[in-house]
Amino acid sequence: MQAEKLIQAQLEQTRLIINQVEKLKTLDMPTLNWKENETSWSILECLEHLNLYGEFYLSKMEERIKKSTSQPESEFKSGWLGNYFAESMLPKEKLNKMKTFQDKNPLNANLSRAVIDTFLEQQIKLLEILNASRNVSLNKVKIPTSISRFITIKLGDTLQFYINHILRHLKQIESIQTAMKLAA
């Protein structure tokens, strides 16, 4: 895949994500905190989960891009592990449940509207990182995963994994909104 096409697609996707989440700002707190049941997440909990991952991945990507002396290449070739991670995060028609790490699980956290602002700030940071990634190798820059700092994946795969993870939870938010309408 052409590196520039990958970056351009991720920039466009991130802008769509920002627009989608901006609309959530109009919702009232009971709606933002509504849950289908005790073990499911609310809209704010979904966004807080993404914020927790954003804290980890955005800082790692920014740090590794700044430190890199690699030159950009025209082609990006996904690694097998990075591709697996990115593909596993893609939202499916019926979202398959995945176990989240305890430190990334916001279940029953006391959350405010600030969660939305933090998420949107992280997306602006992601746009900056995507633009900066044009100046380095998407193949050679390696990003540690949240699973273990010893498991690294290519920057290009990390960007795809990270954005697919966001898309997955935005689909979950749509499901929450649908369930809320059906419950009303």
C-alpha atoms as a PDB file:
ATOM      1  CA  MET A   1       0.000   0.000   0.000  1.00  0.00           C
ATOM      2  CA  GLN A   2       1.258   3.492  -0.742  1.00  0.00           C
ATOM      3  CA  ALA A   3       2.303   5.207   2.490  1.00  0.00           C
ATOM      4  CA  GLU A   4       0.742   8.532   1.465  1.00  0.00           C
ATOM      5  CA  LYS A   5      -2.591   6.852   0.654  1.00  0.00           C
ATOM      6  CA  LEU A   6      -2.584   5.193   4.083  1.00  0.00           C
ATOM      7  CA  ILE A   7      -1.892   8.497   5.849  1.00  0.00           C
ATOM      8  CA  GLN A   8      -4.493  10.331   3.754  1.00  0.00           C
ATOM      9  CA  ALA A   9      -7.151   7.682   4.500  1.00  0.00           C
ATOM     10  CA  GLN A  10      -6.379   7.862   8.230  1.00  0.00           C
ATOM     11  CA  LEU A  11      -6.555  11.684   8.186  1.00  0.00           C
ATOM     12  CA  GLU A  12      -9.979  11.544   6.525  1.00  0.00           C
ATOM     13  CA  GLN A  13     -11.174   8.884   8.966  1.00  0.00           C
ATOM     14  CA  THR A  14      -9.996  10.955  11.927  1.00  0.00           C
ATOM     15  CA  ARG A  15     -11.871  14.016  10.655  1.00  0.00           C
ATOM     16  CA  LEU A  16     -15.046  11.916  10.374  1.00  0.00           C
ATOM     17  CA  ILE A  17     -14.484  10.637  13.920  1.00  0.00           C
ATOM     18  CA  ILE A  18     -14.147  14.231  15.192  1.00  0.00           C
ATOM     19  CA  ASN A  19     -17.410  15.224  13.465  1.00  0.00           C
ATOM     20  CA  GLN A  20     -19.226  12.203  14.886  1.00  0.00           C
ATOM     21  CA  VAL A  21     -18.064  12.844  18.455  1.00  0.00           C
ATOM     22  CA  GLU A  22     -18.729  16.602  18.229  1.00  0.00           C
ATOM     23  CA  LYS A  23     -22.425  15.676  17.883  1.00  0.00           C
ATOM     24  CA  LEU A  24     -22.292  13.863  21.237  1.00  0.00           C
ATOM     25  CA  LYS A  25     -21.672  17.231  22.932  1.00  0.00           C
ATOM     26  CA  THR A  26     -25.356  18.068  22.394  1.00  0.00           C
ATOM     27  CA  LEU A  27     -26.537  15.102  24.498  1.00  0.00           C
ATOM     28  CA  ASP A  28     -27.588  15.547  28.124  1.00  0.00           C
ATOM     29  CA  MET A  29     -25.835  13.785  31.016  1.00  0.00           C
ATOM     30  CA  PRO A  30     -28.540  11.123  31.556  1.00  0.00           C
ATOM     31  CA  THR A  31     -28.143  10.132  27.887  1.00  0.00           C
ATOM     32  CA  LEU A  32     -24.329  10.163  28.059  1.00  0.00           C
ATOM     33  CA  ASN A  33     -24.421   7.962  31.173  1.00  0.00           C
ATOM     34  CA  TRP A  34     -27.246   5.580  30.117  1.00  0.00           C
ATOM     35  CA  LYS A  35     -26.383   1.864  30.190  1.00  0.00           C
ATOM     36  CA  GLU A  36     -28.269  -1.126  28.885  1.00  0.00           C
ATOM     37  CA  ASN A  37     -27.274  -3.109  31.991  1.00  0.00           C
ATOM     38  CA  GLU A  38     -24.840  -3.064  34.924  1.00  0.00           C
ATOM     39  CA  THR A  39     -21.964  -4.624  33.001  1.00  0.00           C
ATOM     40  CA  SER A  40     -22.312  -2.613  29.772  1.00  0.00           C
ATOM     41  CA  TRP A  41     -20.634   0.727  29.125  1.00  0.00           C
ATOM     42  CA  SER A  42     -22.243   4.117  28.702  1.00  0.00           C
ATOM     43  CA  ILE A  43     -21.312   6.551  25.915  1.00  0.00           C
ATOM     44  CA  LEU A  44     -18.930   8.358  28.286  1.00  0.00           C
ATOM     45  CA  GLU A  45     -17.367   5.078  29.409  1.00  0.00           C
ATOM     46  CA  CYS A  46     -16.684   4.118  25.776  1.00  0.00           C
ATOM     47  CA  LEU A  47     -14.983   7.469  25.201  1.00  0.00           C
ATOM     48  CA  GLU A  48     -13.023   7.247  28.461  1.00  0.00           C
ATOM     49  CA  HIS A  49     -11.789   3.789  27.426  1.00  0.00           C
ATOM     50  CA  LEU A  50     -10.540   5.343  24.176  1.00  0.00           C
ATOM     51  CA  ASN A  51      -8.948   8.209  26.130  1.00  0.00           C
ATOM     52  CA  LEU A  52      -7.007   5.726  28.258  1.00  0.00           C
ATOM     53  CA  TYR A  53      -5.635   4.059  25.118  1.00  0.00           C
ATOM     54  CA  GLY A  54      -5.013   7.474  23.570  1.00  0.00           C
ATOM     55  CA  GLU A  55      -2.840   8.475  26.525  1.00  0.00           C
ATOM     56  CA  PHE A  56      -0.656   5.458  25.868  1.00  0.00           C
ATOM     57  CA  TYR A  57      -0.492   5.270  22.061  1.00  0.00           C
ATOM     58  CA  LEU A  58      -0.426   8.955  21.136  1.00  0.00           C
ATOM     59  CA  SER A  59       2.530   9.686  23.419  1.00  0.00           C
ATOM     60  CA  LYS A  60       4.419   6.609  22.168  1.00  0.00           C
ATOM     61  CA  MET A  61       3.814   7.476  18.500  1.00  0.00           C
ATOM     62  CA  GLU A  62       4.781  11.116  19.020  1.00  0.00           C
ATOM     63  CA  GLU A  63       7.947  10.170  20.923  1.00  0.00           C
ATOM     64  CA  ARG A  64       9.075   7.561  18.360  1.00  0.00           C
ATOM     65  CA  ILE A  65       8.391   9.867  15.385  1.00  0.00           C
ATOM     66  CA  LYS A  66      10.430  12.679  16.982  1.00  0.00           C
ATOM     67  CA  LYS A  67      13.348  10.325  17.755  1.00  0.00           C
ATOM     68  CA  SER A  68      13.351   8.640  14.355  1.00  0.00           C
ATOM     69  CA  THR A  69      16.069   9.302  11.823  1.00  0.00           C
ATOM     70  CA  SER A  70      14.394   7.040   9.260  1.00  0.00           C
ATOM     71  CA  GLN A  71      13.394   8.341   5.854  1.00  0.00           C
ATOM     72  CA  PRO A  72       9.843   8.011   4.535  1.00  0.00           C
ATOM     73  CA  GLU A  73       9.243   5.289   1.948  1.00  0.00           C
ATOM     74  CA  SER A  74       6.642   5.288  -0.789  1.00  0.00           C
ATOM     75  CA  GLU A  75       5.314   1.833   0.175  1.00  0.00           C
ATOM     76  CA  PHE A  76       4.023   0.549   3.495  1.00  0.00           C
ATOM     77  CA  LYS A  77       3.952  -3.203   4.060  1.00  0.00           C
ATOM     78  CA  SER A  78       1.897  -4.304   7.025  1.00  0.00           C
ATOM     79  CA  GLY A  79       3.535  -6.747   9.454  1.00  0.00           C
ATOM     80  CA  TRP A  80       1.686  -9.981  10.293  1.00  0.00           C
ATOM     81  CA  LEU A  81       1.140  -9.078  13.960  1.00  0.00           C
ATOM     82  CA  GLY A  82       0.269  -5.444  13.285  1.00  0.00           C
ATOM     83  CA  ASN A  83      -2.129  -6.469  10.544  1.00  0.00           C
ATOM     84  CA  TYR A  84      -3.726  -9.005  12.893  1.00  0.00           C
ATOM     85  CA  PHE A  85      -4.211  -6.337  15.589  1.00  0.00           C
ATOM     86  CA  ALA A  86      -5.611  -3.815  13.092  1.00  0.00           C
ATOM     87  CA  GLU A  87      -7.991  -6.347  11.521  1.00  0.00           C
ATOM     88  CA  SER A  88      -9.177  -7.637  14.900  1.00  0.00           C
ATOM     89  CA  MET A  89     -10.298  -4.128  15.858  1.00  0.00           C
ATOM     90  CA  LEU A  90     -12.384  -3.507  12.762  1.00  0.00           C
ATOM     91  CA  PRO A  91     -16.037  -3.201  13.731  1.00  0.00           C
ATOM     92  CA  LYS A  92     -18.093  -6.165  12.553  1.00  0.00           C
ATOM     93  CA  GLU A  93     -21.841  -6.205  11.872  1.00  0.00           C
ATOM     94  CA  LYS A  94     -22.424  -7.773  15.286  1.00  0.00           C
ATOM     95  CA  LEU A  95     -19.681  -6.494  17.602  1.00  0.00           C
ATOM     96  CA  ASN A  96     -17.823  -9.384  19.158  1.00  0.00           C
ATOM     97  CA  LYS A  97     -17.147  -8.802  22.849  1.00  0.00           C
ATOM     98  CA  MET A  98     -13.512  -8.407  23.768  1.00  0.00           C
ATOM     99  CA  LYS A  99     -12.061  -8.457  27.251  1.00  0.00           C
ATOM    100  CA  THR A 100     -10.397  -5.174  28.122  1.00  0.00           C
ATOM    101  CA  PHE A 101      -7.436  -4.760  30.437  1.00  0.00           C
ATOM    102  CA  GLN A 102      -8.458  -3.679  33.935  1.00  0.00           C
ATOM    103  CA  ASP A 103      -6.439  -0.445  33.731  1.00  0.00           C
ATOM    104  CA  LYS A 104      -8.357   0.486  30.542  1.00  0.00           C
ATOM    105  CA  ASN A 105     -11.814  -0.423  31.883  1.00  0.00           C
ATOM    106  CA  PRO A 106     -13.831   2.664  32.937  1.00  0.00           C
ATOM    107  CA  LEU A 107     -16.889   0.671  34.104  1.00  0.00           C
ATOM    108  CA  ASN A 108     -18.746   2.642  36.800  1.00  0.00           C
ATOM    109  CA  ALA A 109     -16.243   5.502  36.798  1.00  0.00           C
ATOM    110  CA  ASN A 110     -17.624   8.909  37.755  1.00  0.00           C
ATOM    111  CA  LEU A 111     -17.281  10.721  34.423  1.00  0.00           C
ATOM    112  CA  SER A 112     -18.142  14.211  33.224  1.00  0.00           C
ATOM    113  CA  ARG A 113     -18.491  15.939  29.863  1.00  0.00           C
ATOM    114  CA  ALA A 114     -14.746  16.620  30.050  1.00  0.00           C
ATOM    115  CA  VAL A 115     -14.311  13.071  28.690  1.00  0.00           C
ATOM    116  CA  ILE A 116     -15.636  14.285  25.314  1.00  0.00           C
ATOM    117  CA  ASP A 117     -13.269  17.281  25.290  1.00  0.00           C
ATOM    118  CA  THR A 118     -10.291  15.065  26.148  1.00  0.00           C
ATOM    119  CA  PHE A 119     -11.231  12.680  23.343  1.00  0.00           C
ATOM    120  CA  LEU A 120     -11.482  15.528  20.821  1.00  0.00           C
ATOM    121  CA  GLU A 121      -8.142  16.974  21.991  1.00  0.00           C
ATOM    122  CA  GLN A 122      -6.583  13.548  21.442  1.00  0.00           C
ATOM    123  CA  GLN A 123      -7.996  13.439  17.919  1.00  0.00           C
ATOM    124  CA  ILE A 124      -6.401  16.817  17.131  1.00  0.00           C
ATOM    125  CA  LYS A 125      -3.119  15.356  18.447  1.00  0.00           C
ATOM    126  CA  LEU A 126      -3.687  12.321  16.188  1.00  0.00           C
ATOM    127  CA  LEU A 127      -4.045  14.618  13.154  1.00  0.00           C
ATOM    128  CA  GLU A 128      -0.666  16.176  14.072  1.00  0.00           C
ATOM    129  CA  ILE A 129       0.903  12.717  14.461  1.00  0.00           C
ATOM    130  CA  LEU A 130      -0.498  11.576  11.118  1.00  0.00           C
ATOM    131  CA  ASN A 131       0.975  14.631   9.413  1.00  0.00           C
ATOM    132  CA  ALA A 132       4.329  14.142  11.190  1.00  0.00           C
ATOM    133  CA  SER A 133       4.353  10.472  10.133  1.00  0.00           C
ATOM    134  CA  ARG A 134       4.857  11.619   6.534  1.00  0.00           C
ATOM    135  CA  ASN A 135       8.463  12.463   7.478  1.00  0.00           C
ATOM    136  CA  VAL A 136       9.477   9.013   8.763  1.00  0.00           C
ATOM    137  CA  SER A 137       9.289   5.379   7.712  1.00  0.00           C
ATOM    138  CA  LEU A 138       5.924   3.796   8.514  1.00  0.00           C
ATOM    139  CA  ASN A 139       7.784   0.464   8.259  1.00  0.00           C
ATOM    140  CA  LYS A 140      10.885   1.120  10.380  1.00  0.00           C
ATOM    141  CA  VAL A 141       9.436   3.180  13.230  1.00  0.00           C
ATOM    142  CA  LYS A 142       8.226   0.667  15.829  1.00  0.00           C
ATOM    143  CA  ILE A 143       5.640   1.407  18.511  1.00  0.00           C
ATOM    144  CA  PRO A 144       5.386  -0.640  21.720  1.00  0.00           C
ATOM    145  CA  THR A 145       1.946  -2.128  22.372  1.00  0.00           C
ATOM    146  CA  SER A 146      -0.113  -1.708  25.524  1.00  0.00           C
ATOM    147  CA  ILE A 147       0.176  -5.495  25.985  1.00  0.00           C
ATOM    148  CA  SER A 148       3.957  -5.331  26.503  1.00  0.00           C
ATOM    149  CA  ARG A 149       6.709  -2.853  25.701  1.00  0.00           C
ATOM    150  CA  PHE A 150       8.612  -5.823  24.258  1.00  0.00           C
ATOM    151  CA  ILE A 151       5.915  -6.379  21.617  1.00  0.00           C
ATOM    152  CA  THR A 152       6.226  -3.655  18.991  1.00  0.00           C
ATOM    153  CA  ILE A 153       4.424  -3.069  15.714  1.00  0.00           C
ATOM    154  CA  LYS A 154       5.150  -0.801  12.771  1.00  0.00           C
ATOM    155  CA  LEU A 155       3.957   2.807  12.960  1.00  0.00           C
ATOM    156  CA  GLY A 156       1.696   2.245   9.933  1.00  0.00           C
ATOM    157  CA  ASP A 157       0.050  -0.742  11.643  1.00  0.00           C
ATOM    158  CA  THR A 158      -0.253   1.163  14.925  1.00  0.00           C
ATOM    159  CA  LEU A 159      -2.098   3.998  13.194  1.00  0.00           C
ATOM    160  CA  GLN A 160      -4.515   1.546  11.570  1.00  0.00           C
ATOM    161  CA  PHE A 161      -5.016  -0.429  14.793  1.00  0.00           C
ATOM    162  CA  TYR A 162      -5.554   2.735  16.847  1.00  0.00           C
ATOM    163  CA  ILE A 163      -8.107   4.235  14.453  1.00  0.00           C
ATOM    164  CA  ASN A 164      -9.913   0.896  13.956  1.00  0.00           C
ATOM    165  CA  HIS A 165     -10.199   0.653  17.754  1.00  0.00           C
ATOM    166  CA  ILE A 166     -11.876   4.066  17.813  1.00  0.00           C
ATOM    167  CA  LEU A 167     -14.245   3.049  14.985  1.00  0.00           C
ATOM    168  CA  ARG A 168     -15.135  -0.104  16.906  1.00  0.00           C
ATOM    169  CA  HIS A 169     -16.204   1.882  19.964  1.00  0.00           C
ATOM    170  CA  LEU A 170     -18.052   4.503  17.925  1.00  0.00           C
ATOM    171  CA  LYS A 171     -20.090   1.605  16.534  1.00  0.00           C
ATOM    172  CA  GLN A 172     -20.655   0.528  20.145  1.00  0.00           C
ATOM    173  CA  ILE A 173     -21.878   4.071  20.942  1.00  0.00           C
ATOM    174  CA  GLU A 174     -24.338   3.839  18.027  1.00  0.00           C
ATOM    175  CA  SER A 175     -25.569   0.528  19.482  1.00  0.00           C
ATOM    176  CA  ILE A 176     -26.013   2.156  22.898  1.00  0.00           C
ATOM    177  CA  GLN A 177     -28.074   4.943  21.332  1.00  0.00           C
ATOM    178  CA  THR A 178     -30.228   2.401  19.463  1.00  0.00           C
ATOM    179  CA  ALA A 179     -30.784   0.332  22.623  1.00  0.00           C
ATOM    180  CA  MET A 180     -31.717   3.483  24.539  1.00  0.00           C
ATOM    181  CA  LYS A 181     -34.356   4.393  21.955  1.00  0.00           C
ATOM    182  CA  LEU A 182     -35.775   0.866  22.077  1.00  0.00           C
ATOM    183  CA  ALA A 183     -35.876   0.956  25.890  1.00  0.00           C
ATOM    184  CA  ALA A 184     -37.715   4.301  25.952  1.00  0.00           C
END
